[in-house]
Amino acid sequence: MSTTLKKMSNALHNDQRGAGMVEYVLIIAGIALPLLAVIIWFWGDIWKWVVGGLDDVKDQADQAGEVS
């Protein structure tokens, strides 16, 4: 019984399949999670910047329509 458990334990710890994918996922998570935190932290500022840019585009389009 002890020998069987030891063999199964060794087989489990020596299995390297999927290790590359786990490393890949950890790297992506290490990049994505801080980026997501920054976006959430500055969401109000980002939203104001985007809306301001869209308003500028709308104003320029309105001015171009008035000229012609």
C-alpha atoms as a PDB file:
ATOM      1  CA  MET A   1       0.000   0.000   0.000  1.00  0.00           C
ATOM      2  CA  SER A   2       2.787   2.406   0.962  1.00  0.00           C
ATOM      3  CA  THR A   3       4.696   1.614  -2.217  1.00  0.00           C
ATOM      4  CA  THR A   4       1.642   2.329  -4.368  1.00  0.00           C
ATOM      5  CA  LEU A   5       1.082   5.710  -2.722  1.00  0.00           C
ATOM      6  CA  LYS A   6       4.748   6.561  -3.124  1.00  0.00           C
ATOM      7  CA  LYS A   7       4.651   5.659  -6.838  1.00  0.00           C
ATOM      8  CA  MET A   8       1.494   7.722  -7.379  1.00  0.00           C
ATOM      9  CA  SER A   9       3.014  10.657  -5.503  1.00  0.00           C
ATOM     10  CA  ASN A  10       6.207  10.511  -7.562  1.00  0.00           C
ATOM     11  CA  ALA A  11       4.221  10.267 -10.792  1.00  0.00           C
ATOM     12  CA  LEU A  12       2.164  13.309  -9.824  1.00  0.00           C
ATOM     13  CA  HIS A  13       5.169  15.441  -8.917  1.00  0.00           C
ATOM     14  CA  ASN A  14       7.179  14.426 -11.975  1.00  0.00           C
ATOM     15  CA  ASP A  15       4.383  15.241 -14.422  1.00  0.00           C
ATOM     16  CA  GLN A  16       5.343  18.427 -16.280  1.00  0.00           C
ATOM     17  CA  ARG A  17       2.453  18.496 -18.746  1.00  0.00           C
ATOM     18  CA  GLY A  18       0.632  21.791 -18.671  1.00  0.00           C
ATOM     19  CA  ALA A  19       3.400  23.604 -16.789  1.00  0.00           C
ATOM     20  CA  GLY A  20       4.064  25.896 -19.756  1.00  0.00           C
ATOM     21  CA  MET A  21       0.421  26.863 -19.998  1.00  0.00           C
ATOM     22  CA  VAL A  22       0.248  27.598 -16.268  1.00  0.00           C
ATOM     23  CA  GLU A  23       3.305  29.856 -16.567  1.00  0.00           C
ATOM     24  CA  TYR A  24       1.730  31.615 -19.554  1.00  0.00           C
ATOM     25  CA  VAL A  25      -1.524  32.207 -17.654  1.00  0.00           C
ATOM     26  CA  LEU A  26       0.380  33.524 -14.630  1.00  0.00           C
ATOM     27  CA  ILE A  27       2.333  35.978 -16.799  1.00  0.00           C
ATOM     28  CA  ILE A  28      -0.846  37.226 -18.483  1.00  0.00           C
ATOM     29  CA  ALA A  29      -2.554  37.583 -15.093  1.00  0.00           C
ATOM     30  CA  GLY A  30       0.484  39.421 -13.737  1.00  0.00           C
ATOM     31  CA  ILE A  31       0.124  41.975 -16.515  1.00  0.00           C
ATOM     32  CA  ALA A  32      -3.668  42.143 -16.747  1.00  0.00           C
ATOM     33  CA  LEU A  33      -4.548  42.483 -13.064  1.00  0.00           C
ATOM     34  CA  PRO A  34      -2.447  45.593 -12.365  1.00  0.00           C
ATOM     35  CA  LEU A  35      -3.654  47.124 -15.628  1.00  0.00           C
ATOM     36  CA  LEU A  36      -7.251  46.451 -14.622  1.00  0.00           C
ATOM     37  CA  ALA A  37      -6.615  47.976 -11.199  1.00  0.00           C
ATOM     38  CA  VAL A  38      -5.240  51.157 -12.802  1.00  0.00           C
ATOM     39  CA  ILE A  39      -8.217  51.402 -15.149  1.00  0.00           C
ATOM     40  CA  ILE A  40     -10.661  50.989 -12.266  1.00  0.00           C
ATOM     41  CA  TRP A  41      -8.755  53.494 -10.105  1.00  0.00           C
ATOM     42  CA  PHE A  42      -8.708  56.179 -12.830  1.00  0.00           C
ATOM     43  CA  TRP A  43     -12.060  55.332 -14.450  1.00  0.00           C
ATOM     44  CA  GLY A  44     -13.577  58.762 -13.747  1.00  0.00           C
ATOM     45  CA  ASP A  45     -10.623  60.588 -15.292  1.00  0.00           C
ATOM     46  CA  ILE A  46     -10.560  58.254 -18.287  1.00  0.00           C
ATOM     47  CA  TRP A  47     -14.297  58.771 -18.819  1.00  0.00           C
ATOM     48  CA  LYS A  48     -13.957  62.572 -18.681  1.00  0.00           C
ATOM     49  CA  TRP A  49     -11.085  62.427 -21.167  1.00  0.00           C
ATOM     50  CA  VAL A  50     -13.046  60.259 -23.625  1.00  0.00           C
ATOM     51  CA  VAL A  51     -16.225  62.345 -23.336  1.00  0.00           C
ATOM     52  CA  GLY A  52     -14.198  65.549 -23.742  1.00  0.00           C
ATOM     53  CA  GLY A  53     -12.592  64.177 -26.888  1.00  0.00           C
ATOM     54  CA  LEU A  54     -15.948  63.149 -28.312  1.00  0.00           C
ATOM     55  CA  ASP A  55     -17.394  66.584 -27.535  1.00  0.00           C
ATOM     56  CA  ASP A  56     -14.460  68.214 -29.339  1.00  0.00           C
ATOM     57  CA  VAL A  57     -15.059  66.037 -32.400  1.00  0.00           C
ATOM     58  CA  LYS A  58     -18.773  66.883 -32.327  1.00  0.00           C
ATOM     59  CA  ASP A  59     -18.047  70.619 -32.034  1.00  0.00           C
ATOM     60  CA  GLN A  60     -15.599  70.479 -34.947  1.00  0.00           C
ATOM     61  CA  ALA A  61     -18.136  68.593 -37.043  1.00  0.00           C
ATOM     62  CA  ASP A  62     -20.806  71.172 -36.212  1.00  0.00           C
ATOM     63  CA  GLN A  63     -18.427  74.006 -37.141  1.00  0.00           C
ATOM     64  CA  ALA A  64     -17.550  72.303 -40.434  1.00  0.00           C
ATOM     65  CA  GLY A  65     -21.261  71.949 -41.202  1.00  0.00           C
ATOM     66  CA  GLU A  66     -21.879  75.648 -40.556  1.00  0.00           C
ATOM     67  CA  VAL A  67     -19.077  76.742 -42.900  1.00  0.00           C
ATOM     68  CA  SER A  68     -20.346  74.901 -45.964  1.00  0.00           C
END
